[in-house]
Amino acid sequence: MSEGRPGIIVNFLVRALIGMALIFFVNEFLSSRGINAAVGLNAVTFLTSGTLGIPGVALLYGIVFYRIL
């Protein structure tokens, strides 16, 4: 069982880093289009994107767009 532990941690870190990069690029794209809907880059978004992956990033943007309404 301890053999799988490093794989889980690496998987989490890869998803979190890809999610943070995706958030950065989507924020830049939206700001270039004049849309003021940015998700912050912080510990909560790191944990969300690491745990849920791309759907977690979509969830974060869904929350931001819901707040704009």
PDB file of N, CA and C in Angstrom:
ATOM      1  N   MET A   1       0.809  -1.183   0.000  1.00  0.00           N
ATOM      2  CA  MET A   1       0.000   0.000   0.000  1.00  0.00           C
ATOM      3  C   MET A   1       0.862   1.260   0.000  1.00  0.00           C
ATOM      4  N   SER A   2       2.027   1.222   0.599  1.00  0.00           N
ATOM      5  CA  SER A   2       2.898   2.395   0.627  1.00  0.00           C
ATOM      6  C   SER A   2       3.528   2.658  -0.742  1.00  0.00           C
ATOM      7  N   GLU A   3       3.497   1.675  -1.642  1.00  0.00           N
ATOM      8  CA  GLU A   3       4.054   1.875  -2.972  1.00  0.00           C
ATOM      9  C   GLU A   3       3.211   2.843  -3.799  1.00  0.00           C
ATOM     10  N   GLY A   4       1.918   2.926  -3.554  1.00  0.00           N
ATOM     11  CA  GLY A   4       1.034   3.792  -4.314  1.00  0.00           C
ATOM     12  C   GLY A   4       1.040   5.230  -3.832  1.00  0.00           C
ATOM     13  N   ARG A   5       1.550   5.481  -2.630  1.00  0.00           N
ATOM     14  CA  ARG A   5       1.509   6.822  -2.043  1.00  0.00           C
ATOM     15  C   ARG A   5       2.268   7.861  -2.881  1.00  0.00           C
ATOM     16  N   PRO A   6       3.489   7.598  -3.349  1.00  0.00           N
ATOM     17  CA  PRO A   6       4.164   8.609  -4.176  1.00  0.00           C
ATOM     18  C   PRO A   6       3.422   8.891  -5.479  1.00  0.00           C
ATOM     19  N   GLY A   7       2.768   7.904  -6.038  1.00  0.00           N
ATOM     20  CA  GLY A   7       2.001   8.101  -7.263  1.00  0.00           C
ATOM     21  C   GLY A   7       0.827   9.034  -7.055  1.00  0.00           C
ATOM     22  N   ILE A   8       0.167   8.916  -5.907  1.00  0.00           N
ATOM     23  CA  ILE A   8      -0.962   9.787  -5.594  1.00  0.00           C
ATOM     24  C   ILE A   8      -0.488  11.216  -5.412  1.00  0.00           C
ATOM     25  N   ILE A   9       0.621  11.401  -4.731  1.00  0.00           N
ATOM     26  CA  ILE A   9       1.150  12.746  -4.492  1.00  0.00           C
ATOM     27  C   ILE A   9       1.603  13.394  -5.794  1.00  0.00           C
ATOM     28  N   VAL A  10       2.283  12.630  -6.641  1.00  0.00           N
ATOM     29  CA  VAL A  10       2.738  13.162  -7.933  1.00  0.00           C
ATOM     30  C   VAL A  10       1.533  13.505  -8.801  1.00  0.00           C
ATOM     31  N   ASN A  11       0.520  12.655  -8.799  1.00  0.00           N
ATOM     32  CA  ASN A  11      -0.700  12.911  -9.567  1.00  0.00           C
ATOM     33  C   ASN A  11      -1.367  14.203  -9.098  1.00  0.00           C
ATOM     34  N   PHE A  12      -1.464  14.398  -7.784  1.00  0.00           N
ATOM     35  CA  PHE A  12      -2.047  15.616  -7.226  1.00  0.00           C
ATOM     36  C   PHE A  12      -1.252  16.843  -7.652  1.00  0.00           C
ATOM     37  N   LEU A  13       0.059  16.780  -7.544  1.00  0.00           N
ATOM     38  CA  LEU A  13       0.898  17.927  -7.892  1.00  0.00           C
ATOM     39  C   LEU A  13       0.829  18.258  -9.381  1.00  0.00           C
ATOM     40  N   VAL A  14       0.786  17.253 -10.224  1.00  0.00           N
ATOM     41  CA  VAL A  14       0.689  17.499 -11.665  1.00  0.00           C
ATOM     42  C   VAL A  14      -0.648  18.153 -11.996  1.00  0.00           C
ATOM     43  N   ARG A  15      -1.746  17.621 -11.431  1.00  0.00           N
ATOM     44  CA  ARG A  15      -3.059  18.226 -11.672  1.00  0.00           C
ATOM     45  C   ARG A  15      -3.115  19.648 -11.142  1.00  0.00           C
ATOM     46  N   ALA A  16      -2.526  19.898  -9.972  1.00  0.00           N
ATOM     47  CA  ALA A  16      -2.550  21.235  -9.380  1.00  0.00           C
ATOM     48  C   ALA A  16      -1.753  22.220 -10.226  1.00  0.00           C
ATOM     49  N   LEU A  17      -0.590  21.823 -10.691  1.00  0.00           N
ATOM     50  CA  LEU A  17       0.229  22.722 -11.513  1.00  0.00           C
ATOM     51  C   LEU A  17      -0.408  23.002 -12.866  1.00  0.00           C
ATOM     52  N   ILE A  18      -0.987  21.992 -13.482  1.00  0.00           N
ATOM     53  CA  ILE A  18      -1.681  22.202 -14.749  1.00  0.00           C
ATOM     54  C   ILE A  18      -2.900  23.092 -14.532  1.00  0.00           C
ATOM     55  N   GLY A  19      -3.610  22.875 -13.435  1.00  0.00           N
ATOM     56  CA  GLY A  19      -4.768  23.713 -13.126  1.00  0.00           C
ATOM     57  C   GLY A  19      -4.388  25.155 -12.887  1.00  0.00           C
ATOM     58  N   MET A  20      -3.295  25.399 -12.167  1.00  0.00           N
ATOM     59  CA  MET A  20      -2.852  26.765 -11.914  1.00  0.00           C
ATOM     60  C   MET A  20      -2.412  27.438 -13.220  1.00  0.00           C
ATOM     61  N   ALA A  21      -1.730  26.704 -14.080  1.00  0.00           N
ATOM     62  CA  ALA A  21      -1.338  27.266 -15.376  1.00  0.00           C
ATOM     63  C   ALA A  21      -2.569  27.578 -16.218  1.00  0.00           C
ATOM     64  N   LEU A  22      -3.555  26.702 -16.184  1.00  0.00           N
ATOM     65  CA  LEU A  22      -4.785  26.935 -16.927  1.00  0.00           C
ATOM     66  C   LEU A  22      -5.511  28.174 -16.399  1.00  0.00           C
ATOM     67  N   ILE A  23      -5.574  28.329 -15.091  1.00  0.00           N
ATOM     68  CA  ILE A  23      -6.193  29.515 -14.494  1.00  0.00           C
ATOM     69  C   ILE A  23      -5.460  30.774 -14.938  1.00  0.00           C
ATOM     70  N   PHE A  24      -4.136  30.735 -14.921  1.00  0.00           N
ATOM     71  CA  PHE A  24      -3.355  31.901 -15.345  1.00  0.00           C
ATOM     72  C   PHE A  24      -3.678  32.290 -16.784  1.00  0.00           C
ATOM     73  N   PHE A  25      -3.665  31.309 -17.688  1.00  0.00           N
ATOM     74  CA  PHE A  25      -3.884  31.610 -19.096  1.00  0.00           C
ATOM     75  C   PHE A  25      -5.327  32.021 -19.381  1.00  0.00           C
ATOM     76  N   VAL A  26      -6.291  31.427 -18.697  1.00  0.00           N
ATOM     77  CA  VAL A  26      -7.686  31.831 -18.885  1.00  0.00           C
ATOM     78  C   VAL A  26      -7.891  33.247 -18.350  1.00  0.00           C
ATOM     79  N   ASN A  27      -7.280  33.571 -17.204  1.00  0.00           N
ATOM     80  CA  ASN A  27      -7.369  34.934 -16.683  1.00  0.00           C
ATOM     81  C   ASN A  27      -6.806  35.942 -17.681  1.00  0.00           C
ATOM     82  N   GLU A  28      -5.670  35.626 -18.283  1.00  0.00           N
ATOM     83  CA  GLU A  28      -5.071  36.516 -19.273  1.00  0.00           C
ATOM     84  C   GLU A  28      -5.953  36.653 -20.507  1.00  0.00           C
ATOM     85  N   PHE A  29      -6.534  35.548 -20.959  1.00  0.00           N
ATOM     86  CA  PHE A  29      -7.410  35.582 -22.124  1.00  0.00           C
ATOM     87  C   PHE A  29      -8.648  36.430 -21.847  1.00  0.00           C
ATOM     88  N   LEU A  30      -9.270  36.231 -20.694  1.00  0.00           N
ATOM     89  CA  LEU A  30     -10.469  36.998 -20.358  1.00  0.00           C
ATOM     90  C   LEU A  30     -10.162  38.484 -20.201  1.00  0.00           C
ATOM     91  N   SER A  31      -9.031  38.813 -19.592  1.00  0.00           N
ATOM     92  CA  SER A  31      -8.691  40.224 -19.431  1.00  0.00           C
ATOM     93  C   SER A  31      -8.370  40.876 -20.772  1.00  0.00           C
ATOM     94  N   SER A  32      -7.816  40.127 -21.721  1.00  0.00           N
ATOM     95  CA  SER A  32      -7.550  40.694 -23.046  1.00  0.00           C
ATOM     96  C   SER A  32      -8.845  40.950 -23.811  1.00  0.00           C
ATOM     97  N   ARG A  33      -9.894  40.214 -23.475  1.00  0.00           N
ATOM     98  CA  ARG A  33     -11.211  40.402 -24.097  1.00  0.00           C
ATOM     99  C   ARG A  33     -12.053  41.437 -23.359  1.00  0.00           C
ATOM    100  N   GLY A  34     -11.541  41.966 -22.252  1.00  0.00           N
ATOM    101  CA  GLY A  34     -12.260  42.972 -21.499  1.00  0.00           C
ATOM    102  C   GLY A  34     -13.276  42.417 -20.524  1.00  0.00           C
ATOM    103  N   ILE A  35     -13.179  41.135 -20.210  1.00  0.00           N
ATOM    104  CA  ILE A  35     -14.098  40.498 -19.270  1.00  0.00           C
ATOM    105  C   ILE A  35     -13.426  40.470 -17.905  1.00  0.00           C
ATOM    106  N   ASN A  36     -14.071  41.097 -16.934  1.00  0.00           N
ATOM    107  CA  ASN A  36     -13.493  41.206 -15.598  1.00  0.00           C
ATOM    108  C   ASN A  36     -13.961  40.040 -14.726  1.00  0.00           C
ATOM    109  N   ALA A  37     -13.465  38.850 -15.005  1.00  0.00           N
ATOM    110  CA  ALA A  37     -13.806  37.651 -14.235  1.00  0.00           C
ATOM    111  C   ALA A  37     -12.521  36.851 -14.045  1.00  0.00           C
ATOM    112  N   ALA A  38     -11.822  37.123 -12.962  1.00  0.00           N
ATOM    113  CA  ALA A  38     -10.543  36.462 -12.725  1.00  0.00           C
ATOM    114  C   ALA A  38     -10.621  35.596 -11.479  1.00  0.00           C
ATOM    115  N   VAL A  39     -10.073  34.411 -11.572  1.00  0.00           N
ATOM    116  CA  VAL A  39      -9.935  33.516 -10.429  1.00  0.00           C
ATOM    117  C   VAL A  39      -8.547  33.759  -9.854  1.00  0.00           C
ATOM    118  N   GLY A  40      -8.479  33.940  -8.558  1.00  0.00           N
ATOM    119  CA  GLY A  40      -7.195  34.196  -7.917  1.00  0.00           C
ATOM    120  C   GLY A  40      -6.306  32.969  -7.895  1.00  0.00           C
ATOM    121  N   LEU A  41      -5.019  33.203  -7.850  1.00  0.00           N
ATOM    122  CA  LEU A  41      -4.044  32.119  -7.723  1.00  0.00           C
ATOM    123  C   LEU A  41      -3.619  32.063  -6.254  1.00  0.00           C
ATOM    124  N   ASN A  42      -4.208  31.156  -5.509  1.00  0.00           N
ATOM    125  CA  ASN A  42      -3.919  31.039  -4.086  1.00  0.00           C
ATOM    126  C   ASN A  42      -4.006  29.580  -3.654  1.00  0.00           C
ATOM    127  N   ALA A  43      -3.928  29.349  -2.356  1.00  0.00           N
ATOM    128  CA  ALA A  43      -3.904  27.978  -1.832  1.00  0.00           C
ATOM    129  C   ALA A  43      -5.219  27.250  -2.078  1.00  0.00           C
ATOM    130  N   VAL A  44      -6.326  27.960  -2.007  1.00  0.00           N
ATOM    131  CA  VAL A  44      -7.629  27.315  -2.217  1.00  0.00           C
ATOM    132  C   VAL A  44      -7.762  26.843  -3.658  1.00  0.00           C
ATOM    133  N   THR A  45      -7.363  27.666  -4.612  1.00  0.00           N
ATOM    134  CA  THR A  45      -7.446  27.250  -6.004  1.00  0.00           C
ATOM    135  C   THR A  45      -6.433  26.146  -6.306  1.00  0.00           C
ATOM    136  N   PHE A  46      -5.287  26.170  -5.639  1.00  0.00           N
ATOM    137  CA  PHE A  46      -4.300  25.100  -5.800  1.00  0.00           C
ATOM    138  C   PHE A  46      -4.868  23.768  -5.326  1.00  0.00           C
ATOM    139  N   LEU A  47      -5.498  23.773  -4.155  1.00  0.00           N
ATOM    140  CA  LEU A  47      -6.088  22.549  -3.620  1.00  0.00           C
ATOM    141  C   LEU A  47      -7.280  22.078  -4.452  1.00  0.00           C
ATOM    142  N   THR A  48      -8.091  23.015  -4.921  1.00  0.00           N
ATOM    143  CA  THR A  48      -9.250  22.648  -5.734  1.00  0.00           C
ATOM    144  C   THR A  48      -8.822  22.039  -7.057  1.00  0.00           C
ATOM    145  N   SER A  49      -7.881  22.672  -7.733  1.00  0.00           N
ATOM    146  CA  SER A  49      -7.432  22.132  -9.014  1.00  0.00           C
ATOM    147  C   SER A  49      -6.644  20.842  -8.830  1.00  0.00           C
ATOM    148  N   GLY A  50      -5.947  20.692  -7.721  1.00  0.00           N
ATOM    149  CA  GLY A  50      -5.219  19.452  -7.465  1.00  0.00           C
ATOM    150  C   GLY A  50      -6.137  18.299  -7.127  1.00  0.00           C
ATOM    151  N   THR A  51      -7.212  18.587  -6.426  1.00  0.00           N
ATOM    152  CA  THR A  51      -8.149  17.541  -6.021  1.00  0.00           C
ATOM    153  C   THR A  51      -9.113  17.176  -7.146  1.00  0.00           C
ATOM    154  N   LEU A  52      -9.684  18.179  -7.793  1.00  0.00           N
ATOM    155  CA  LEU A  52     -10.723  17.938  -8.796  1.00  0.00           C
ATOM    156  C   LEU A  52     -10.224  17.997 -10.232  1.00  0.00           C
ATOM    157  N   GLY A  53      -9.064  18.577 -10.460  1.00  0.00           N
ATOM    158  CA  GLY A  53      -8.511  18.666 -11.813  1.00  0.00           C
ATOM    159  C   GLY A  53      -9.185  19.747 -12.637  1.00  0.00           C
ATOM    160  N   ILE A  54      -9.339  19.510 -13.937  1.00  0.00           N
ATOM    161  CA  ILE A  54      -9.933  20.479 -14.857  1.00  0.00           C
ATOM    162  C   ILE A  54     -11.384  20.801 -14.471  1.00  0.00           C
ATOM    163  N   PRO A  55     -12.196  19.835 -14.077  1.00  0.00           N
ATOM    164  CA  PRO A  55     -13.547  20.197 -13.625  1.00  0.00           C
ATOM    165  C   PRO A  55     -13.536  21.135 -12.418  1.00  0.00           C
ATOM    166  N   GLY A  56     -12.539  21.044 -11.578  1.00  0.00           N
ATOM    167  CA  GLY A  56     -12.415  21.959 -10.455  1.00  0.00           C
ATOM    168  C   GLY A  56     -12.127  23.375 -10.909  1.00  0.00           C
ATOM    169  N   VAL A  57     -11.318  23.516 -11.947  1.00  0.00           N
ATOM    170  CA  VAL A  57     -11.041  24.838 -12.506  1.00  0.00           C
ATOM    171  C   VAL A  57     -12.322  25.404 -13.120  1.00  0.00           C
ATOM    172  N   ALA A  58     -13.059  24.561 -13.832  1.00  0.00           N
ATOM    173  CA  ALA A  58     -14.337  25.004 -14.399  1.00  0.00           C
ATOM    174  C   ALA A  58     -15.304  25.415 -13.295  1.00  0.00           C
ATOM    175  N   LEU A  59     -15.303  24.695 -12.187  1.00  0.00           N
ATOM    176  CA  LEU A  59     -16.147  25.041 -11.047  1.00  0.00           C
ATOM    177  C   LEU A  59     -15.776  26.406 -10.488  1.00  0.00           C
ATOM    178  N   LEU A  60     -14.497  26.693 -10.377  1.00  0.00           N
ATOM    179  CA  LEU A  60     -14.055  27.989  -9.883  1.00  0.00           C
ATOM    180  C   LEU A  60     -14.516  29.120 -10.792  1.00  0.00           C
ATOM    181  N   TYR A  61     -14.409  28.924 -12.100  1.00  0.00           N
ATOM    182  CA  TYR A  61     -14.888  29.947 -13.021  1.00  0.00           C
ATOM    183  C   TYR A  61     -16.408  30.042 -12.992  1.00  0.00           C
ATOM    184  N   GLY A  62     -17.092  28.939 -12.791  1.00  0.00           N
ATOM    185  CA  GLY A  62     -18.542  28.983 -12.652  1.00  0.00           C
ATOM    186  C   GLY A  62     -18.968  29.811 -11.448  1.00  0.00           C
ATOM    187  N   ILE A  63     -18.241  29.674 -10.339  1.00  0.00           N
ATOM    188  CA  ILE A  63     -18.543  30.466  -9.155  1.00  0.00           C
ATOM    189  C   ILE A  63     -18.300  31.946  -9.418  1.00  0.00           C
ATOM    190  N   VAL A  64     -17.219  32.273 -10.104  1.00  0.00           N
ATOM    191  CA  VAL A  64     -16.914  33.674 -10.403  1.00  0.00           C
ATOM    192  C   VAL A  64     -17.978  34.269 -11.322  1.00  0.00           C
ATOM    193  N   PHE A  65     -18.376  33.531 -12.358  1.00  0.00           N
ATOM    194  CA  PHE A  65     -19.386  34.063 -13.262  1.00  0.00           C
ATOM    195  C   PHE A  65     -20.745  34.155 -12.574  1.00  0.00           C
ATOM    196  N   TYR A  66     -21.040  33.265 -11.647  1.00  0.00           N
ATOM    197  CA  TYR A  66     -22.286  33.349 -10.890  1.00  0.00           C
ATOM    198  C   TYR A  66     -22.297  34.602 -10.012  1.00  0.00           C
ATOM    199  N   ARG A  67     -21.169  34.945  -9.426  1.00  0.00           N
ATOM    200  CA  ARG A  67     -21.079  36.140  -8.597  1.00  0.00           C
ATOM    201  C   ARG A  67     -21.263  37.412  -9.414  1.00  0.00           C
ATOM    202  N   ILE A  68     -20.880  37.380 -10.697  1.00  0.00           N
ATOM    203  CA  ILE A  68     -21.031  38.540 -11.554  1.00  0.00           C
ATOM    204  C   ILE A  68     -22.517  38.804 -11.836  1.00  0.00           C
ATOM    205  N   LEU A  69     -23.297  37.734 -11.936  1.00  0.00           N
ATOM    206  CA  LEU A  69     -24.724  37.909 -12.212  1.00  0.00           C
ATOM    207  C   LEU A  69     -25.338  38.636 -11.060  1.00  0.00           C
TER     208      LEU A  69
END
